[in-house]
């Protein structure tokens, strides 16, 4: 029976540690999220660890020993109490896997989930709590909205992070 443990890795070595653990026959799960990164005027989609410097290791204690995990490339050790590794509930790992596959952790631009004509709510700034209609996207940081102010429809430009679907 597989028991899951949280493992502590070296800085920026989560992927390398997971690969080496899998080569040794252990199960390794590294929860990740997607995010857009801009560098040198180019934007790319990258995967980042959800828990920096941590991953989950599945060990069958009847067949496998846990001590070799500590000397695996990229690893520091298992999260332990009094030299004995502390198990993580399998349900927690299952929920993390399900939410990761659904994209619940992804930090993508809010403008990607909104379309022109959608009803939106402004969450920050001077127009906070107003309901409006999304007119379009100015760039990746700003959007145009149509708000009802003082009996008139007014076009406003607000931060993309300050709007959410109504």
C-alpha atoms as a PDB file:
ATOM      1  CA  UNK A   1       0.000   0.000   0.000  1.00  0.00           C
ATOM      2  CA  UNK A   2       1.368   3.390  -1.016  1.00  0.00           C
ATOM      3  CA  UNK A   3       1.856   5.961   1.739  1.00  0.00           C
ATOM      4  CA  UNK A   4       2.504   9.580   0.753  1.00  0.00           C
ATOM      5  CA  UNK A   5       5.118  11.768   2.428  1.00  0.00           C
ATOM      6  CA  UNK A   6       6.072  15.418   1.999  1.00  0.00           C
ATOM      7  CA  UNK A   7       9.674  15.830   0.913  1.00  0.00           C
ATOM      8  CA  UNK A   8      11.917  18.875   1.210  1.00  0.00           C
ATOM      9  CA  UNK A   9      14.114  19.607  -1.805  1.00  0.00           C
ATOM     10  CA  UNK A  10      17.055  21.820  -2.580  1.00  0.00           C
ATOM     11  CA  UNK A  11      16.274  25.279  -3.939  1.00  0.00           C
ATOM     12  CA  UNK A  12      14.926  25.149  -7.518  1.00  0.00           C
ATOM     13  CA  UNK A  13      15.567  21.393  -7.695  1.00  0.00           C
ATOM     14  CA  UNK A  14      11.996  20.101  -7.392  1.00  0.00           C
ATOM     15  CA  UNK A  15      11.777  18.772 -10.951  1.00  0.00           C
ATOM     16  CA  UNK A  16      15.239  17.202 -10.823  1.00  0.00           C
ATOM     17  CA  UNK A  17      14.440  15.529  -7.495  1.00  0.00           C
ATOM     18  CA  UNK A  18      11.123  14.165  -8.821  1.00  0.00           C
ATOM     19  CA  UNK A  19      12.857  12.695 -11.888  1.00  0.00           C
ATOM     20  CA  UNK A  20      15.541  10.993  -9.789  1.00  0.00           C
ATOM     21  CA  UNK A  21      12.971   9.608  -7.357  1.00  0.00           C
ATOM     22  CA  UNK A  22      10.997   8.103 -10.233  1.00  0.00           C
ATOM     23  CA  UNK A  23      14.177   6.528 -11.641  1.00  0.00           C
ATOM     24  CA  UNK A  24      14.658   4.819  -8.274  1.00  0.00           C
ATOM     25  CA  UNK A  25      11.147   3.370  -8.393  1.00  0.00           C
ATOM     26  CA  UNK A  26       9.373   5.776  -6.040  1.00  0.00           C
ATOM     27  CA  UNK A  27       6.197   7.640  -6.914  1.00  0.00           C
ATOM     28  CA  UNK A  28       6.786  11.385  -7.049  1.00  0.00           C
ATOM     29  CA  UNK A  29       4.135  14.061  -7.364  1.00  0.00           C
ATOM     30  CA  UNK A  30       5.106  17.694  -7.849  1.00  0.00           C
ATOM     31  CA  UNK A  31       2.002  19.927  -7.842  1.00  0.00           C
ATOM     32  CA  UNK A  32       2.398  22.810 -10.286  1.00  0.00           C
ATOM     33  CA  UNK A  33       0.526  25.824 -11.564  1.00  0.00           C
ATOM     34  CA  UNK A  34       0.715  27.591 -14.897  1.00  0.00           C
ATOM     35  CA  UNK A  35       1.586  31.254 -15.202  1.00  0.00           C
ATOM     36  CA  UNK A  36       2.466  33.727 -17.912  1.00  0.00           C
ATOM     37  CA  UNK A  37       5.975  35.160 -17.709  1.00  0.00           C
ATOM     38  CA  UNK A  38       7.261  38.119 -19.698  1.00  0.00           C
ATOM     39  CA  UNK A  39      10.934  38.316 -20.528  1.00  0.00           C
ATOM     40  CA  UNK A  40      12.654  40.354 -23.211  1.00  0.00           C
ATOM     41  CA  UNK A  41       9.338  41.425 -24.771  1.00  0.00           C
ATOM     42  CA  UNK A  42       8.218  37.820 -25.101  1.00  0.00           C
ATOM     43  CA  UNK A  43       5.496  36.160 -23.120  1.00  0.00           C
ATOM     44  CA  UNK A  44       5.532  32.446 -22.395  1.00  0.00           C
ATOM     45  CA  UNK A  45       3.515  30.001 -20.340  1.00  0.00           C
ATOM     46  CA  UNK A  46       5.593  28.258 -17.663  1.00  0.00           C
ATOM     47  CA  UNK A  47       4.947  25.648 -14.985  1.00  0.00           C
ATOM     48  CA  UNK A  48       5.971  26.577 -11.447  1.00  0.00           C
ATOM     49  CA  UNK A  49       5.877  24.452  -8.270  1.00  0.00           C
ATOM     50  CA  UNK A  50       2.781  25.081  -6.159  1.00  0.00           C
ATOM     51  CA  UNK A  51       4.838  24.533  -2.994  1.00  0.00           C
ATOM     52  CA  UNK A  52       8.401  25.750  -3.648  1.00  0.00           C
ATOM     53  CA  UNK A  53      11.030  23.300  -2.351  1.00  0.00           C
ATOM     54  CA  UNK A  54       8.415  20.601  -1.575  1.00  0.00           C
ATOM     55  CA  UNK A  55       7.010  17.589  -3.382  1.00  0.00           C
ATOM     56  CA  UNK A  56       5.179  14.399  -2.422  1.00  0.00           C
ATOM     57  CA  UNK A  57       6.785  10.954  -2.445  1.00  0.00           C
ATOM     58  CA  UNK A  58       4.742   7.739  -2.550  1.00  0.00           C
ATOM     59  CA  UNK A  59       6.450   4.854  -0.797  1.00  0.00           C
ATOM     60  CA  UNK A  60       5.278   1.278  -0.328  1.00  0.00           C
ATOM     61  CA  UNK A  61       6.766   0.671   3.129  1.00  0.00           C
ATOM     62  CA  UNK A  62       6.438  -3.125   2.763  1.00  0.00           C
ATOM     63  CA  UNK A  63       8.697  -3.171  -0.309  1.00  0.00           C
ATOM     64  CA  UNK A  64      10.667   0.086  -0.332  1.00  0.00           C
ATOM     65  CA  UNK A  65      12.852   1.762   2.250  1.00  0.00           C
ATOM     66  CA  UNK A  66      12.451   5.486   2.882  1.00  0.00           C
ATOM     67  CA  UNK A  67      16.028   6.310   3.899  1.00  0.00           C
ATOM     68  CA  UNK A  68      17.461   6.317   0.333  1.00  0.00           C
ATOM     69  CA  UNK A  69      15.111   9.225  -0.459  1.00  0.00           C
ATOM     70  CA  UNK A  70      17.288  11.483   1.700  1.00  0.00           C
ATOM     71  CA  UNK A  71      20.355  10.924  -0.495  1.00  0.00           C
ATOM     72  CA  UNK A  72      18.562  11.333  -3.838  1.00  0.00           C
ATOM     73  CA  UNK A  73      19.882  14.075  -6.103  1.00  0.00           C
ATOM     74  CA  UNK A  74      18.044  17.336  -5.382  1.00  0.00           C
ATOM     75  CA  UNK A  75      16.583  16.143  -2.082  1.00  0.00           C
ATOM     76  CA  UNK A  76      17.203  17.382   1.449  1.00  0.00           C
ATOM     77  CA  UNK A  77      14.948  14.881   3.214  1.00  0.00           C
ATOM     78  CA  UNK A  78      11.433  13.888   4.187  1.00  0.00           C
ATOM     79  CA  UNK A  79       9.341  15.979   6.548  1.00  0.00           C
ATOM     80  CA  UNK A  80       9.751  14.056   9.795  1.00  0.00           C
ATOM     81  CA  UNK A  81       9.035  14.072  13.489  1.00  0.00           C
ATOM     82  CA  UNK A  82      11.658  12.435  15.720  1.00  0.00           C
ATOM     83  CA  UNK A  83      13.506  10.907  12.739  1.00  0.00           C
ATOM     84  CA  UNK A  84      10.346   9.160  11.482  1.00  0.00           C
ATOM     85  CA  UNK A  85       8.712  10.569   8.317  1.00  0.00           C
ATOM     86  CA  UNK A  86       5.208  11.937   8.821  1.00  0.00           C
ATOM     87  CA  UNK A  87       2.657  10.528   6.343  1.00  0.00           C
ATOM     88  CA  UNK A  88       0.336  12.791   4.364  1.00  0.00           C
ATOM     89  CA  UNK A  89      -3.260  11.668   3.900  1.00  0.00           C
ATOM     90  CA  UNK A  90      -3.811  10.150   0.459  1.00  0.00           C
ATOM     91  CA  UNK A  91      -6.999  12.216   0.169  1.00  0.00           C
ATOM     92  CA  UNK A  92      -4.959  15.437   0.272  1.00  0.00           C
ATOM     93  CA  UNK A  93      -2.772  14.278  -2.623  1.00  0.00           C
ATOM     94  CA  UNK A  94      -5.859  13.165  -4.564  1.00  0.00           C
ATOM     95  CA  UNK A  95      -7.551  16.553  -4.074  1.00  0.00           C
ATOM     96  CA  UNK A  96      -4.393  18.402  -5.127  1.00  0.00           C
ATOM     97  CA  UNK A  97      -4.137  16.276  -8.289  1.00  0.00           C
ATOM     98  CA  UNK A  98      -7.787  16.877  -9.165  1.00  0.00           C
ATOM     99  CA  UNK A  99      -7.567  20.630  -8.620  1.00  0.00           C
ATOM    100  CA  UNK A 100      -4.318  20.849 -10.579  1.00  0.00           C
ATOM    101  CA  UNK A 101      -5.850  19.050 -13.548  1.00  0.00           C
ATOM    102  CA  UNK A 102      -8.855  21.429 -13.394  1.00  0.00           C
ATOM    103  CA  UNK A 103      -6.498  24.432 -13.493  1.00  0.00           C
ATOM    104  CA  UNK A 104      -7.616  25.736 -10.104  1.00  0.00           C
ATOM    105  CA  UNK A 105      -4.109  26.919  -9.203  1.00  0.00           C
ATOM    106  CA  UNK A 106      -3.231  28.567 -12.528  1.00  0.00           C
ATOM    107  CA  UNK A 107      -2.321  32.250 -12.392  1.00  0.00           C
ATOM    108  CA  UNK A 108      -3.356  33.300 -15.833  1.00  0.00           C
ATOM    109  CA  UNK A 109      -4.408  36.769 -16.877  1.00  0.00           C
ATOM    110  CA  UNK A 110      -7.956  37.619 -15.761  1.00  0.00           C
ATOM    111  CA  UNK A 111      -8.662  38.862 -19.266  1.00  0.00           C
ATOM    112  CA  UNK A 112      -8.384  35.304 -20.578  1.00  0.00           C
ATOM    113  CA  UNK A 113     -11.498  34.215 -18.705  1.00  0.00           C
ATOM    114  CA  UNK A 114     -13.533  37.262 -19.762  1.00  0.00           C
ATOM    115  CA  UNK A 115     -15.079  38.007 -23.157  1.00  0.00           C
ATOM    116  CA  UNK A 116     -16.353  41.262 -24.626  1.00  0.00           C
ATOM    117  CA  UNK A 117     -19.998  41.710 -23.645  1.00  0.00           C
ATOM    118  CA  UNK A 118     -19.712  39.815 -20.345  1.00  0.00           C
ATOM    119  CA  UNK A 119     -21.176  41.381 -17.233  1.00  0.00           C
ATOM    120  CA  UNK A 120     -18.420  42.221 -14.767  1.00  0.00           C
ATOM    121  CA  UNK A 121     -18.061  43.581 -11.249  1.00  0.00           C
ATOM    122  CA  UNK A 122     -15.322  46.073 -10.394  1.00  0.00           C
ATOM    123  CA  UNK A 123     -13.607  44.949  -7.181  1.00  0.00           C
ATOM    124  CA  UNK A 124     -11.059  47.723  -6.546  1.00  0.00           C
ATOM    125  CA  UNK A 125     -10.558  51.410  -6.998  1.00  0.00           C
ATOM    126  CA  UNK A 126     -13.048  54.283  -7.238  1.00  0.00           C
ATOM    127  CA  UNK A 127     -15.569  52.142  -9.153  1.00  0.00           C
ATOM    128  CA  UNK A 128     -15.536  49.298  -6.599  1.00  0.00           C
ATOM    129  CA  UNK A 129     -18.769  47.251  -6.379  1.00  0.00           C
ATOM    130  CA  UNK A 130     -20.183  48.656  -9.626  1.00  0.00           C
ATOM    131  CA  UNK A 131     -21.586  46.272 -12.214  1.00  0.00           C
ATOM    132  CA  UNK A 132     -20.781  46.942 -15.838  1.00  0.00           C
ATOM    133  CA  UNK A 133     -20.213  45.373 -19.224  1.00  0.00           C
ATOM    134  CA  UNK A 134     -16.788  44.476 -20.612  1.00  0.00           C
ATOM    135  CA  UNK A 135     -16.122  46.315 -23.858  1.00  0.00           C
ATOM    136  CA  UNK A 136     -12.665  44.998 -24.611  1.00  0.00           C
ATOM    137  CA  UNK A 137      -9.083  44.523 -23.538  1.00  0.00           C
ATOM    138  CA  UNK A 138      -6.663  47.450 -23.742  1.00  0.00           C
ATOM    139  CA  UNK A 139      -3.579  45.325 -23.047  1.00  0.00           C
ATOM    140  CA  UNK A 140      -2.767  42.495 -20.637  1.00  0.00           C
ATOM    141  CA  UNK A 141      -3.082  44.814 -17.626  1.00  0.00           C
ATOM    142  CA  UNK A 142      -6.085  47.037 -18.466  1.00  0.00           C
ATOM    143  CA  UNK A 143      -9.649  46.557 -19.747  1.00  0.00           C
ATOM    144  CA  UNK A 144     -12.408  48.839 -21.034  1.00  0.00           C
ATOM    145  CA  UNK A 145     -15.747  48.640 -19.225  1.00  0.00           C
ATOM    146  CA  UNK A 146     -19.106  50.349 -19.675  1.00  0.00           C
ATOM    147  CA  UNK A 147     -20.463  51.522 -16.311  1.00  0.00           C
ATOM    148  CA  UNK A 148     -23.758  53.203 -15.384  1.00  0.00           C
ATOM    149  CA  UNK A 149     -22.851  56.376 -13.485  1.00  0.00           C
ATOM    150  CA  UNK A 150     -25.362  59.095 -12.637  1.00  0.00           C
ATOM    151  CA  UNK A 151     -27.874  57.801 -15.164  1.00  0.00           C
ATOM    152  CA  UNK A 152     -25.383  57.664 -18.050  1.00  0.00           C
ATOM    153  CA  UNK A 153     -23.310  54.927 -19.578  1.00  0.00           C
ATOM    154  CA  UNK A 154     -19.658  55.843 -19.147  1.00  0.00           C
ATOM    155  CA  UNK A 155     -16.675  54.089 -20.707  1.00  0.00           C
ATOM    156  CA  UNK A 156     -13.849  53.561 -18.195  1.00  0.00           C
ATOM    157  CA  UNK A 157     -10.457  51.917 -18.323  1.00  0.00           C
ATOM    158  CA  UNK A 158      -9.616  49.862 -15.220  1.00  0.00           C
ATOM    159  CA  UNK A 159      -6.963  47.370 -14.169  1.00  0.00           C
ATOM    160  CA  UNK A 160      -7.636  43.823 -15.364  1.00  0.00           C
ATOM    161  CA  UNK A 161      -7.003  42.525 -11.840  1.00  0.00           C
ATOM    162  CA  UNK A 162      -9.781  44.803 -10.546  1.00  0.00           C
ATOM    163  CA  UNK A 163     -12.604  43.058 -12.427  1.00  0.00           C
ATOM    164  CA  UNK A 164     -14.326  39.717 -11.987  1.00  0.00           C
ATOM    165  CA  UNK A 165     -17.331  38.059 -13.627  1.00  0.00           C
ATOM    166  CA  UNK A 166     -20.603  39.345 -12.162  1.00  0.00           C
END
